[in-house]
PDB file of N, CA and C in Angstrom:
ATOM      1  N   MET A   1      51.651  59.067  80.520  1.00  0.00           N
ATOM      2  CA  MET A   1      52.974  59.462  80.947  1.00  0.00           C
ATOM      3  C   MET A   1      52.843  60.154  82.308  1.00  0.00           C
ATOM      4  N   THR A   2      53.719  59.785  83.213  1.00  0.00           N
ATOM      5  CA  THR A   2      53.657  60.360  84.551  1.00  0.00           C
ATOM      6  C   THR A   2      54.249  61.765  84.561  1.00  0.00           C
ATOM      7  N   SER A   3      53.971  62.496  85.609  1.00  0.00           N
ATOM      8  CA  SER A   3      54.521  63.852  85.730  1.00  0.00           C
ATOM      9  C   SER A   3      56.045  63.803  85.850  1.00  0.00           C
ATOM     10  N   LYS A   4      56.562  62.776  86.483  1.00  0.00           N
ATOM     11  CA  LYS A   4      58.018  62.637  86.608  1.00  0.00           C
ATOM     12  C   LYS A   4      58.652  62.404  85.229  1.00  0.00           C
ATOM     13  N   GLU A   5      58.007  61.598  84.407  1.00  0.00           N
ATOM     14  CA  GLU A   5      58.515  61.357  83.054  1.00  0.00           C
ATOM     15  C   GLU A   5      58.460  62.625  82.209  1.00  0.00           C
ATOM     16  N   LEU A   6      57.403  63.395  82.373  1.00  0.00           N
ATOM     17  CA  LEU A   6      57.299  64.665  81.657  1.00  0.00           C
ATOM     18  C   LEU A   6      58.398  65.635  82.077  1.00  0.00           C
ATOM     19  N   LEU A   7      58.693  65.670  83.363  1.00  0.00           N
ATOM     20  CA  LEU A   7      59.781  66.521  83.846  1.00  0.00           C
ATOM     21  C   LEU A   7      61.118  66.077  83.284  1.00  0.00           C
ATOM     22  N   TYR A   8      61.314  64.756  83.183  1.00  0.00           N
ATOM     23  CA  TYR A   8      62.546  64.245  82.601  1.00  0.00           C
ATOM     24  C   TYR A   8      62.659  64.687  81.140  1.00  0.00           C
ATOM     25  N   LEU A   9      61.577  64.557  80.375  1.00  0.00           N
ATOM     26  CA  LEU A   9      61.603  64.972  78.975  1.00  0.00           C
ATOM     27  C   LEU A   9      61.870  66.468  78.833  1.00  0.00           C
ATOM     28  N   GLU A  10      61.261  67.247  79.687  1.00  0.00           N
ATOM     29  CA  GLU A  10      61.488  68.696  79.657  1.00  0.00           C
ATOM     30  C   GLU A  10      62.956  69.007  79.909  1.00  0.00           C
ATOM     31  N   ASP A  11      63.536  68.341  80.875  1.00  0.00           N
ATOM     32  CA  ASP A  11      64.945  68.530  81.203  1.00  0.00           C
ATOM     33  C   ASP A  11      65.837  68.091  80.039  1.00  0.00           C
ATOM     34  N   ALA A  12      65.535  66.944  79.469  1.00  0.00           N
ATOM     35  CA  ALA A  12      66.324  66.423  78.353  1.00  0.00           C
ATOM     36  C   ALA A  12      66.224  67.346  77.136  1.00  0.00           C
ATOM     37  N   LEU A  13      65.038  67.883  76.865  1.00  0.00           N
ATOM     38  CA  LEU A  13      64.871  68.831  75.756  1.00  0.00           C
ATOM     39  C   LEU A  13      65.733  70.074  75.976  1.00  0.00           C
ATOM     40  N   GLY A  14      65.761  70.560  77.199  1.00  0.00           N
ATOM     41  CA  GLY A  14      66.585  71.725  77.526  1.00  0.00           C
ATOM     42  C   GLY A  14      68.063  71.451  77.312  1.00  0.00           C
ATOM     43  N   HIS A  15      68.503  70.259  77.690  1.00  0.00           N
ATOM     44  CA  HIS A  15      69.909  69.899  77.498  1.00  0.00           C
ATOM     45  C   HIS A  15      70.251  69.815  76.011  1.00  0.00           C
ATOM     46  N   GLU A  16      69.389  69.206  75.242  1.00  0.00           N
ATOM     47  CA  GLU A  16      69.653  69.077  73.810  1.00  0.00           C
ATOM     48  C   GLU A  16      69.672  70.440  73.130  1.00  0.00           C
ATOM     49  N   LYS A  17      68.796  71.334  73.520  1.00  0.00           N
ATOM     50  CA  LYS A  17      68.784  72.682  72.960  1.00  0.00           C
ATOM     51  C   LYS A  17      70.072  73.419  73.324  1.00  0.00           C
ATOM     52  N   PHE A  18      70.537  73.234  74.571  1.00  0.00           N
ATOM     53  CA  PHE A  18      71.798  73.833  75.022  1.00  0.00           C
ATOM     54  C   PHE A  18      72.961  73.312  74.181  1.00  0.00           C
ATOM     55  N   PHE A  19      73.005  71.987  73.947  1.00  0.00           N
ATOM     56  CA  PHE A  19      74.081  71.395  73.151  1.00  0.00           C
ATOM     57  C   PHE A  19      74.072  71.944  71.728  1.00  0.00           C
ATOM     58  N   GLN A  20      72.887  72.121  71.160  1.00  0.00           N
ATOM     59  CA  GLN A  20      72.787  72.689  69.812  1.00  0.00           C
ATOM     60  C   GLN A  20      73.369  74.103  69.775  1.00  0.00           C
ATOM     61  N   THR A  21      73.025  74.893  70.777  1.00  0.00           N
ATOM     62  CA  THR A  21      73.516  76.267  70.852  1.00  0.00           C
ATOM     63  C   THR A  21      75.031  76.300  70.975  1.00  0.00           C
ATOM     64  N   LYS A  22      75.584  75.458  71.836  1.00  0.00           N
ATOM     65  CA  LYS A  22      77.037  75.421  72.026  1.00  0.00           C
ATOM     66  C   LYS A  22      77.755  74.943  70.773  1.00  0.00           C
ATOM     67  N   CYS A  23      77.168  73.989  70.066  1.00  0.00           N
ATOM     68  CA  CYS A  23      77.764  73.524  68.816  1.00  0.00           C
ATOM     69  C   CYS A  23      77.770  74.652  67.784  1.00  0.00           C
ATOM     70  N   SER A  24      76.694  75.399  67.706  1.00  0.00           N
ATOM     71  CA  SER A  24      76.624  76.519  66.763  1.00  0.00           C
ATOM     72  C   SER A  24      77.663  77.583  67.097  1.00  0.00           C
ATOM     73  N   GLU A  25      77.821  77.869  68.364  1.00  0.00           N
ATOM     74  CA  GLU A  25      78.832  78.843  68.783  1.00  0.00           C
ATOM     75  C   GLU A  25      80.231  78.349  68.432  1.00  0.00           C
ATOM     76  N   ALA A  26      80.484  77.080  68.646  1.00  0.00           N
ATOM     77  CA  ALA A  26      81.799  76.512  68.349  1.00  0.00           C
ATOM     78  C   ALA A  26      82.066  76.539  66.844  1.00  0.00           C
ATOM     79  N   MET A  27      81.045  76.222  66.044  1.00  0.00           N
ATOM     80  CA  MET A  27      81.229  76.245  64.589  1.00  0.00           C
ATOM     81  C   MET A  27      81.637  77.627  64.110  1.00  0.00           C
ATOM     82  N   ASN A  28      81.046  78.648  64.692  1.00  0.00           N
ATOM     83  CA  ASN A  28      81.374  80.020  64.289  1.00  0.00           C
ATOM     84  C   ASN A  28      82.786  80.414  64.690  1.00  0.00           C
ATOM     85  N   ALA A  29      83.314  79.794  65.727  1.00  0.00           N
ATOM     86  CA  ALA A  29      84.644  80.149  66.218  1.00  0.00           C
ATOM     87  C   ALA A  29      85.759  79.329  65.568  1.00  0.00           C
ATOM     88  N   LEU A  30      85.414  78.207  64.956  1.00  0.00           N
ATOM     89  CA  LEU A  30      86.434  77.313  64.401  1.00  0.00           C
ATOM     90  C   LEU A  30      86.892  77.755  63.020  1.00  0.00           C
ATOM     91  N   GLN A  31      88.177  77.637  62.780  1.00  0.00           N
ATOM     92  CA  GLN A  31      88.743  77.928  61.469  1.00  0.00           C
ATOM     93  C   GLN A  31      88.989  76.644  60.680  1.00  0.00           C
ATOM     94  N   ASP A  32      89.310  75.567  61.368  1.00  0.00           N
ATOM     95  CA  ASP A  32      89.621  74.287  60.739  1.00  0.00           C
ATOM     96  C   ASP A  32      88.347  73.654  60.184  1.00  0.00           C
ATOM     97  N   GLU A  33      88.339  73.373  58.895  1.00  0.00           N
ATOM     98  CA  GLU A  33      87.139  72.852  58.240  1.00  0.00           C
ATOM     99  C   GLU A  33      86.761  71.453  58.739  1.00  0.00           C
ATOM    100  N   GLN A  34      87.747  70.619  59.052  1.00  0.00           N
ATOM    101  CA  GLN A  34      87.443  69.279  59.551  1.00  0.00           C
ATOM    102  C   GLN A  34      86.767  69.348  60.918  1.00  0.00           C
ATOM    103  N   LEU A  35      87.285  70.197  61.784  1.00  0.00           N
ATOM    104  CA  LEU A  35      86.667  70.369  63.099  1.00  0.00           C
ATOM    105  C   LEU A  35      85.275  70.965  62.962  1.00  0.00           C
ATOM    106  N   ARG A  36      85.150  71.930  62.079  1.00  0.00           N
ATOM    107  CA  ARG A  36      83.852  72.571  61.851  1.00  0.00           C
ATOM    108  C   ARG A  36      82.832  71.532  61.373  1.00  0.00           C
ATOM    109  N   SER A  37      83.243  70.667  60.474  1.00  0.00           N
ATOM    110  CA  SER A  37      82.373  69.615  59.963  1.00  0.00           C
ATOM    111  C   SER A  37      81.969  68.643  61.075  1.00  0.00           C
ATOM    112  N   CYS A  38      82.926  68.286  61.914  1.00  0.00           N
ATOM    113  CA  CYS A  38      82.640  67.387  63.037  1.00  0.00           C
ATOM    114  C   CYS A  38      81.620  68.004  63.992  1.00  0.00           C
ATOM    115  N   VAL A  39      81.804  69.266  64.312  1.00  0.00           N
ATOM    116  CA  VAL A  39      80.881  69.950  65.223  1.00  0.00           C
ATOM    117  C   VAL A  39      79.505  70.111  64.567  1.00  0.00           C
ATOM    118  N   GLN A  40      79.498  70.321  63.265  1.00  0.00           N
ATOM    119  CA  GLN A  40      78.227  70.426  62.554  1.00  0.00           C
ATOM    120  C   GLN A  40      77.468  69.102  62.627  1.00  0.00           C
ATOM    121  N   GLN A  41      78.173  67.992  62.496  1.00  0.00           N
ATOM    122  CA  GLN A  41      77.544  66.677  62.620  1.00  0.00           C
ATOM    123  C   GLN A  41      76.986  66.473  64.025  1.00  0.00           C
ATOM    124  N   MET A  42      77.726  66.934  65.032  1.00  0.00           N
ATOM    125  CA  MET A  42      77.223  66.827  66.408  1.00  0.00           C
ATOM    126  C   MET A  42      75.966  67.660  66.587  1.00  0.00           C
ATOM    127  N   ALA A  43      75.955  68.849  66.020  1.00  0.00           N
ATOM    128  CA  ALA A  43      74.770  69.708  66.113  1.00  0.00           C
ATOM    129  C   ALA A  43      73.562  69.038  65.457  1.00  0.00           C
ATOM    130  N   GLN A  44      73.784  68.408  64.316  1.00  0.00           N
ATOM    131  CA  GLN A  44      72.694  67.715  63.635  1.00  0.00           C
ATOM    132  C   GLN A  44      72.189  66.537  64.470  1.00  0.00           C
ATOM    133  N   LYS A  45      73.109  65.819  65.097  1.00  0.00           N
ATOM    134  CA  LYS A  45      72.714  64.684  65.940  1.00  0.00           C
ATOM    135  C   LYS A  45      71.875  65.166  67.119  1.00  0.00           C
ATOM    136  N   HIS A  46      72.283  66.274  67.735  1.00  0.00           N
ATOM    137  CA  HIS A  46      71.508  66.804  68.857  1.00  0.00           C
ATOM    138  C   HIS A  46      70.138  67.290  68.395  1.00  0.00           C
ATOM    139  N   GLN A  47      70.054  67.800  67.170  1.00  0.00           N
ATOM    140  CA  GLN A  47      68.756  68.196  66.619  1.00  0.00           C
ATOM    141  C   GLN A  47      67.864  66.972  66.440  1.00  0.00           C
ATOM    142  N   GLN A  48      68.437  65.873  65.964  1.00  0.00           N
ATOM    143  CA  GLN A  48      67.669  64.641  65.795  1.00  0.00           C
ATOM    144  C   GLN A  48      67.160  64.128  67.139  1.00  0.00           C
ATOM    145  N   ILE A  49      68.023  64.161  68.135  1.00  0.00           N
ATOM    146  CA  ILE A  49      67.632  63.701  69.473  1.00  0.00           C
ATOM    147  C   ILE A  49      66.522  64.599  70.017  1.00  0.00           C
ATOM    148  N   TYR A  50      66.674  65.909  69.849  1.00  0.00           N
ATOM    149  CA  TYR A  50      65.657  66.857  70.299  1.00  0.00           C
ATOM    150  C   TYR A  50      64.305  66.543  69.641  1.00  0.00           C
ATOM    151  N   SER A  51      64.345  66.315  68.330  1.00  0.00           N
ATOM    152  CA  SER A  51      63.109  66.011  67.600  1.00  0.00           C
ATOM    153  C   SER A  51      62.473  64.710  68.091  1.00  0.00           C
ATOM    154  N   SER A  52      63.291  63.724  68.366  1.00  0.00           N
ATOM    155  CA  SER A  52      62.781  62.447  68.861  1.00  0.00           C
ATOM    156  C   SER A  52      62.128  62.622  70.231  1.00  0.00           C
ATOM    157  N   LEU A  53      62.792  63.342  71.107  1.00  0.00           N
ATOM    158  CA  LEU A  53      62.238  63.581  72.436  1.00  0.00           C
ATOM    159  C   LEU A  53      60.946  64.383  72.351  1.00  0.00           C
ATOM    160  N   TYR A  54      60.944  65.405  71.500  1.00  0.00           N
ATOM    161  CA  TYR A  54      59.762  66.236  71.326  1.00  0.00           C
ATOM    162  C   TYR A  54      58.592  65.411  70.797  1.00  0.00           C
ATOM    163  N   GLY A  55      58.917  64.464  69.932  1.00  0.00           N
ATOM    164  CA  GLY A  55      57.890  63.594  69.371  1.00  0.00           C
ATOM    165  C   GLY A  55      57.218  62.707  70.418  1.00  0.00           C
ATOM    166  N   MET A  56      57.885  62.476  71.530  1.00  0.00           N
ATOM    167  CA  MET A  56      57.312  61.672  72.599  1.00  0.00           C
ATOM    168  C   MET A  56      56.209  62.417  73.345  1.00  0.00           C
ATOM    169  N   LEU A  57      56.217  63.721  73.215  1.00  0.00           N
ATOM    170  CA  LEU A  57      55.185  64.517  73.886  1.00  0.00           C
ATOM    171  C   LEU A  57      53.935  64.470  73.073  1.00  0.00           C
TER     172      LEU A  57
END
């Protein structure tokens, strides 16, 4: 893997971690259970993506 590819993965991991954090913050602020469930699914998807990217290292 080239250094440029490693930098891309590092950047992508940071973005996915940021998305997870924002989803968690939104879940805590939401009162509507349907919206909360939707955001929880998004958080899980970002966790899966993070794990996949991390696995490439």
